[in-house]
Protein backbone atom coordinates (compact mmCIF):
# COMPACT_ATOMS: atom_id res chain seq x y z
CA MET A 1 31.66 -51.10 -117.46
CA PRO A 2 30.23 -50.15 -114.05
CA THR A 3 28.21 -46.95 -113.73
CA VAL A 4 29.03 -44.77 -110.72
CA VAL A 5 27.16 -41.57 -109.83
CA VAL A 6 29.21 -39.01 -107.84
CA THR A 7 27.87 -35.89 -106.14
CA GLY A 8 30.33 -33.08 -105.51
CA ALA A 9 32.39 -34.36 -108.44
CA THR A 10 34.40 -31.14 -108.80
CA GLY A 11 35.36 -30.78 -105.13
CA ALA A 12 38.69 -31.98 -103.77
CA VAL A 13 37.61 -35.46 -102.69
CA GLY A 14 35.07 -35.74 -105.51
CA ALA A 15 37.58 -34.92 -108.24
CA ALA A 16 40.14 -37.32 -106.79
CA THR A 17 37.48 -40.03 -106.63
CA VAL A 18 36.38 -39.44 -110.21
CA GLU A 19 40.00 -39.73 -111.36
CA SER A 20 40.43 -43.03 -109.50
CA LEU A 21 37.15 -44.40 -110.83
CA GLU A 22 38.02 -43.51 -114.41
CA ARG A 23 41.41 -45.20 -114.05
CA ARG A 24 39.38 -48.32 -113.18
CA HIS A 25 37.37 -47.83 -116.37
CA ALA A 26 34.11 -46.91 -114.64
CA ASN A 27 31.45 -44.90 -116.42
CA VAL A 28 31.23 -41.91 -114.07
CA VAL A 29 28.20 -39.64 -113.93
CA LYS A 30 29.39 -36.37 -112.37
CA LEU A 31 26.80 -34.37 -110.45
CA SER A 32 28.07 -30.93 -109.48
CA ARG A 33 27.25 -27.26 -109.73
CA PRO A 34 26.10 -25.35 -111.67
CA ASP A 35 24.09 -28.06 -113.49
CA PHE A 36 23.25 -29.96 -110.30
CA ASP A 37 22.34 -28.06 -107.16
CA LEU A 38 21.88 -29.96 -103.90
CA SER A 39 20.36 -26.86 -102.28
CA SER A 40 17.30 -27.34 -104.51
CA PHE A 41 15.03 -30.37 -104.27
CA ALA A 42 13.74 -29.51 -107.73
CA SER A 43 17.28 -29.89 -109.07
CA VAL A 44 17.69 -33.22 -107.27
CA ARG A 45 14.41 -34.51 -108.72
CA ALA A 46 15.40 -33.36 -112.21
CA ALA A 47 18.74 -35.17 -111.99
CA ALA A 48 17.04 -38.31 -110.71
CA ARG A 49 14.51 -38.25 -113.56
CA GLU A 50 17.33 -38.02 -116.08
CA LEU A 51 19.27 -40.85 -114.48
CA ASN A 52 16.21 -43.04 -114.25
CA ARG A 53 15.50 -42.40 -117.93
CA ASP A 54 19.05 -42.85 -119.24
CA ARG A 55 20.50 -45.60 -117.03
CA THR A 56 19.33 -49.17 -116.60
CA HIS A 57 21.48 -49.79 -113.52
CA ILE A 58 23.65 -47.76 -111.15
CA ASP A 59 26.43 -49.80 -109.59
CA ALA A 60 27.37 -47.20 -106.99
CA LEU A 61 26.11 -43.85 -105.74
CA LEU A 62 28.79 -41.82 -103.96
CA LEU A 63 27.39 -39.00 -101.84
CA ILE A 64 30.42 -36.76 -101.44
CA ALA A 65 29.11 -33.20 -101.73
CA ALA A 66 28.85 -31.13 -98.55
CA VAL A 67 28.76 -27.49 -97.54
CA TYR A 68 29.73 -25.46 -94.47
CA ALA A 69 28.02 -22.12 -93.92
CA PRO A 70 29.05 -19.84 -91.02
CA ALA A 71 25.71 -18.00 -91.01
CA TYR A 72 22.12 -19.17 -91.29
CA LYS A 73 21.14 -19.49 -94.93
CA LYS A 74 18.03 -20.91 -96.56
CA SER A 75 17.79 -23.42 -99.38
CA ALA A 76 15.48 -22.98 -102.37
CA GLU A 77 12.71 -24.63 -100.35
CA GLY A 78 13.28 -22.40 -97.31
CA LEU A 79 15.10 -24.94 -95.14
CA GLU A 80 18.50 -24.39 -93.53
CA LEU A 81 21.23 -24.76 -96.16
CA MET A 82 23.61 -27.25 -94.48
CA LEU A 83 20.73 -29.49 -93.43
CA THR A 84 19.51 -29.47 -97.01
CA VAL A 85 22.78 -30.01 -98.86
CA ASN A 86 24.47 -32.38 -96.41
CA HIS A 87 21.51 -34.57 -95.44
CA LEU A 88 18.10 -33.99 -96.97
CA ALA A 89 19.12 -33.73 -100.64
CA PRO A 90 21.33 -36.85 -100.56
CA PHE A 91 18.51 -38.64 -98.73
CA LEU A 92 16.09 -37.65 -101.48
CA LEU A 93 18.44 -38.51 -104.35
CA THR A 94 19.16 -41.98 -102.94
CA ASN A 95 15.50 -42.80 -102.55
CA LEU A 96 14.64 -41.54 -106.04
CA LEU A 97 17.33 -43.80 -107.54
CA ARG A 98 16.20 -46.95 -105.72
CA ASP A 99 15.07 -48.79 -108.83
CA ARG A 100 18.41 -48.19 -110.57
CA LEU A 101 20.42 -49.29 -107.52
CA GLU A 102 18.36 -52.43 -107.03
CA GLY A 103 20.29 -55.66 -107.58
CA GLY A 104 23.72 -55.06 -106.12
CA GLY A 105 24.05 -51.26 -106.06
CA ARG A 106 26.18 -49.59 -103.42
CA VAL A 107 25.49 -46.28 -101.65
CA ILE A 108 28.52 -44.72 -99.95
CA THR A 109 28.04 -41.54 -97.94
CA VAL A 110 31.00 -39.39 -96.95
CA ALA A 111 30.51 -38.71 -93.24
CA ALA A 112 32.47 -38.00 -90.08
CA PRO A 113 32.50 -39.55 -86.58
CA SER A 114 30.29 -36.81 -85.19
CA SER A 115 28.43 -37.32 -81.92
CA THR A 116 26.39 -34.09 -82.25
CA ARG A 117 22.73 -34.71 -81.42
CA VAL A 118 20.45 -34.63 -84.45
CA ASP A 119 17.41 -32.49 -83.65
CA LEU A 120 15.75 -31.40 -86.88
CA ALA A 121 13.55 -28.85 -85.13
CA ARG A 122 16.63 -27.08 -83.78
CA LEU A 123 18.44 -27.31 -87.11
CA MET A 124 15.57 -25.46 -88.79
CA ASP A 125 15.34 -22.78 -86.12
CA ARG A 126 17.23 -19.62 -87.13
CA ASP A 127 17.29 -18.36 -83.53
CA ARG A 128 19.18 -21.47 -82.33
CA PHE A 129 21.59 -21.62 -85.26
CA SER A 130 25.21 -22.55 -84.59
CA ALA A 131 27.39 -23.28 -87.61
CA PHE A 132 29.58 -25.92 -85.97
CA HIS A 133 26.61 -27.58 -84.27
CA THR A 134 24.62 -27.71 -87.50
CA PHE A 135 27.52 -29.06 -89.54
CA GLY A 136 28.26 -31.70 -86.90
CA ALA A 137 24.62 -32.69 -86.70
CA THR A 138 24.40 -33.16 -90.46
CA LYS A 139 27.45 -35.42 -90.39
CA ALA A 140 25.88 -37.47 -87.59
CA ALA A 141 22.69 -37.57 -89.68
CA ASN A 142 24.75 -39.04 -92.54
CA LEU A 143 25.68 -41.97 -90.30
CA MET A 144 22.14 -42.49 -89.03
CA PHE A 145 20.83 -42.37 -92.62
CA THR A 146 23.41 -44.96 -93.69
CA PHE A 147 22.56 -47.44 -90.97
CA GLU A 148 18.81 -47.10 -91.52
CA LEU A 149 19.28 -47.41 -95.27
CA ALA A 150 21.39 -50.55 -94.81
CA ARG A 151 18.45 -52.24 -93.06
CA ARG A 152 15.74 -50.99 -95.40
CA ALA A 153 17.67 -51.68 -98.60
CA LYS A 154 18.32 -55.37 -98.01
CA ARG A 155 15.06 -56.32 -99.70
CA TRP A 156 16.27 -54.59 -102.88
CA ASP A 157 19.79 -56.05 -102.63
CA VAL A 158 21.36 -52.62 -102.13
CA ARG A 159 24.35 -51.99 -99.84
CA ALA A 160 24.91 -48.84 -97.77
CA ASN A 161 28.11 -47.76 -96.04
CA ALA A 162 29.63 -44.55 -94.69
CA PHE A 163 33.15 -43.30 -95.29
CA HIS A 164 35.31 -40.92 -93.26
CA PRO A 165 38.10 -39.43 -95.41
CA GLY A 166 39.98 -37.96 -92.46
CA HIS A 167 41.36 -34.43 -92.65
CA VAL A 168 41.61 -33.64 -96.34
CA ARG A 169 42.67 -30.40 -98.02
CA SER A 170 39.58 -28.92 -99.62
CA GLU A 171 37.52 -25.76 -99.92
CA LEU A 172 34.80 -27.06 -97.61
CA MET A 173 35.83 -24.89 -94.67
CA ARG A 174 36.90 -21.86 -96.70
CA GLU A 175 34.50 -19.63 -94.74
CA GLN A 176 36.09 -20.40 -91.38
CA PRO A 177 38.15 -17.67 -89.67
CA ARG A 178 41.60 -17.38 -91.26
CA PRO A 179 43.60 -18.78 -88.27
CA LEU A 180 41.37 -21.85 -88.11
CA ARG A 181 41.67 -22.35 -91.87
CA PHE A 182 45.46 -22.25 -91.55
CA VAL A 183 45.53 -24.87 -88.80
CA THR A 184 43.04 -27.08 -90.61
CA ARG A 185 45.10 -26.95 -93.80
CA LEU A 186 48.29 -27.67 -91.87
CA LEU A 187 46.81 -30.85 -90.41
CA SER A 188 45.15 -32.02 -93.63
CA ARG A 189 46.41 -34.34 -96.34
CA ASP A 190 45.95 -34.38 -100.09
CA PRO A 191 42.65 -35.92 -101.25
CA GLU A 192 44.16 -38.53 -103.60
CA ARG A 193 44.21 -41.34 -101.02
CA ALA A 194 40.59 -40.68 -100.04
CA GLY A 195 39.64 -40.84 -103.72
CA GLN A 196 41.43 -44.14 -104.15
CA ASP A 197 39.74 -45.60 -101.07
CA LEU A 198 36.30 -44.49 -102.21
CA ALA A 199 36.85 -46.01 -105.64
CA GLU A 200 37.87 -49.27 -104.00
CA LEU A 201 34.77 -49.31 -101.80
CA ALA A 202 32.61 -48.56 -104.82
CA LEU A 203 34.01 -51.18 -107.18
CA SER A 204 35.93 -53.89 -105.34
CA PRO A 205 34.32 -57.36 -105.46
CA ALA A 206 35.67 -57.85 -101.94
CA LYS A 207 33.26 -55.17 -100.66
CA ALA A 208 30.25 -56.27 -102.71
CA GLY A 209 28.43 -57.79 -99.72
CA THR A 210 29.42 -55.24 -97.11
CA THR A 211 26.62 -53.10 -95.68
CA GLY A 212 25.98 -51.00 -92.59
CA TRP A 213 29.68 -50.33 -91.98
CA PHE A 214 31.57 -47.12 -91.23
CA PHE A 215 34.97 -46.92 -92.89
CA LYS A 216 38.01 -44.74 -92.37
CA GLY A 217 40.04 -45.45 -95.43
CA LEU A 218 39.48 -49.16 -96.03
CA LYS A 219 39.34 -50.05 -92.35
CA ARG A 220 36.08 -50.49 -90.49
CA ILE A 221 35.76 -48.17 -87.48
CA ASP A 222 33.20 -47.80 -84.73
CA PRO A 223 30.69 -44.96 -85.20
CA PRO A 224 29.71 -42.80 -82.22
CA ARG A 225 27.25 -44.64 -79.98
CA SER A 226 24.88 -41.69 -80.25
CA THR A 227 24.25 -42.55 -83.92
CA LEU A 228 23.36 -46.20 -83.31
CA ASP A 229 19.88 -45.97 -81.78
CA GLU A 230 17.59 -47.67 -84.30
CA GLY A 231 14.50 -45.86 -83.06
CA GLN A 232 16.17 -42.49 -83.62
CA GLN A 233 17.44 -43.59 -87.03
CA ALA A 234 13.91 -44.57 -88.06
CA ALA A 235 12.46 -41.33 -86.69
CA LEU A 236 15.03 -39.28 -88.61
CA TRP A 237 14.17 -41.21 -91.77
CA ARG A 238 10.44 -40.58 -91.38
CA ARG A 239 10.84 -36.85 -90.68
CA SER A 240 13.32 -36.47 -93.55
CA ALA A 241 10.84 -38.13 -95.90
CA GLU A 242 8.19 -35.63 -94.80
CA LEU A 243 10.48 -32.64 -95.34
CA VAL A 244 11.45 -33.66 -98.86
CA GLU A 245 7.87 -34.78 -99.66
CA LEU A 246 9.04 -38.28 -100.60
CA GLU A 247 6.60 -40.83 -101.88
CA GLY A 248 7.71 -44.43 -102.11
CA GLY A 249 11.48 -44.88 -101.84
CA PHE A 250 13.25 -47.42 -99.67
């Protein structure tokens, strides 16, 4: 029975994914609030310690959780909230679970085809905060993280891919202005298909060797060119490691 760890397990896409995984008889570890808080590095480290103690191998880590905040908010460590939840905390969790993913594990990060420039100094500057810019930058960071991880993780036989669910009905953008929420919901689809696709990417033998890809559904798509610079990917990785005070890792 494969073990799959899912962040954001109670959200729209997360819950649909958990349901699909359980139909495939996976052992699903659900990480979600209030027990697991991605806005706190201490919570991430505690969850990783428990998983490292209780699990001998993790077959897939699905990084689904995300947040959108219309105003500047700080995490428990004093960093901007969206940067923390959408990028830094998943980055930390993945690295802390390296030993359990080693030997065929898959890391799948829910992202979006964002071309927003990733400038961590700007993202941490309250005076330059823009909600849409910050959210877009964190989604671009998800792609850059995935591609850098795919290169670094080869030595541990770990795969890394990104997944774009498309426009899905969820509570992610519930703090948008009402007219925008209405339009977004009108153009969105139910999350069940996204959940099925994520479960397939996590468990299918056909995807066991796939790494460094960006999927929409089960089809490979081209990421924005702005996310493909390997020097920028490596620089983002190094700075992220500094911010989360990571030792070791991939």
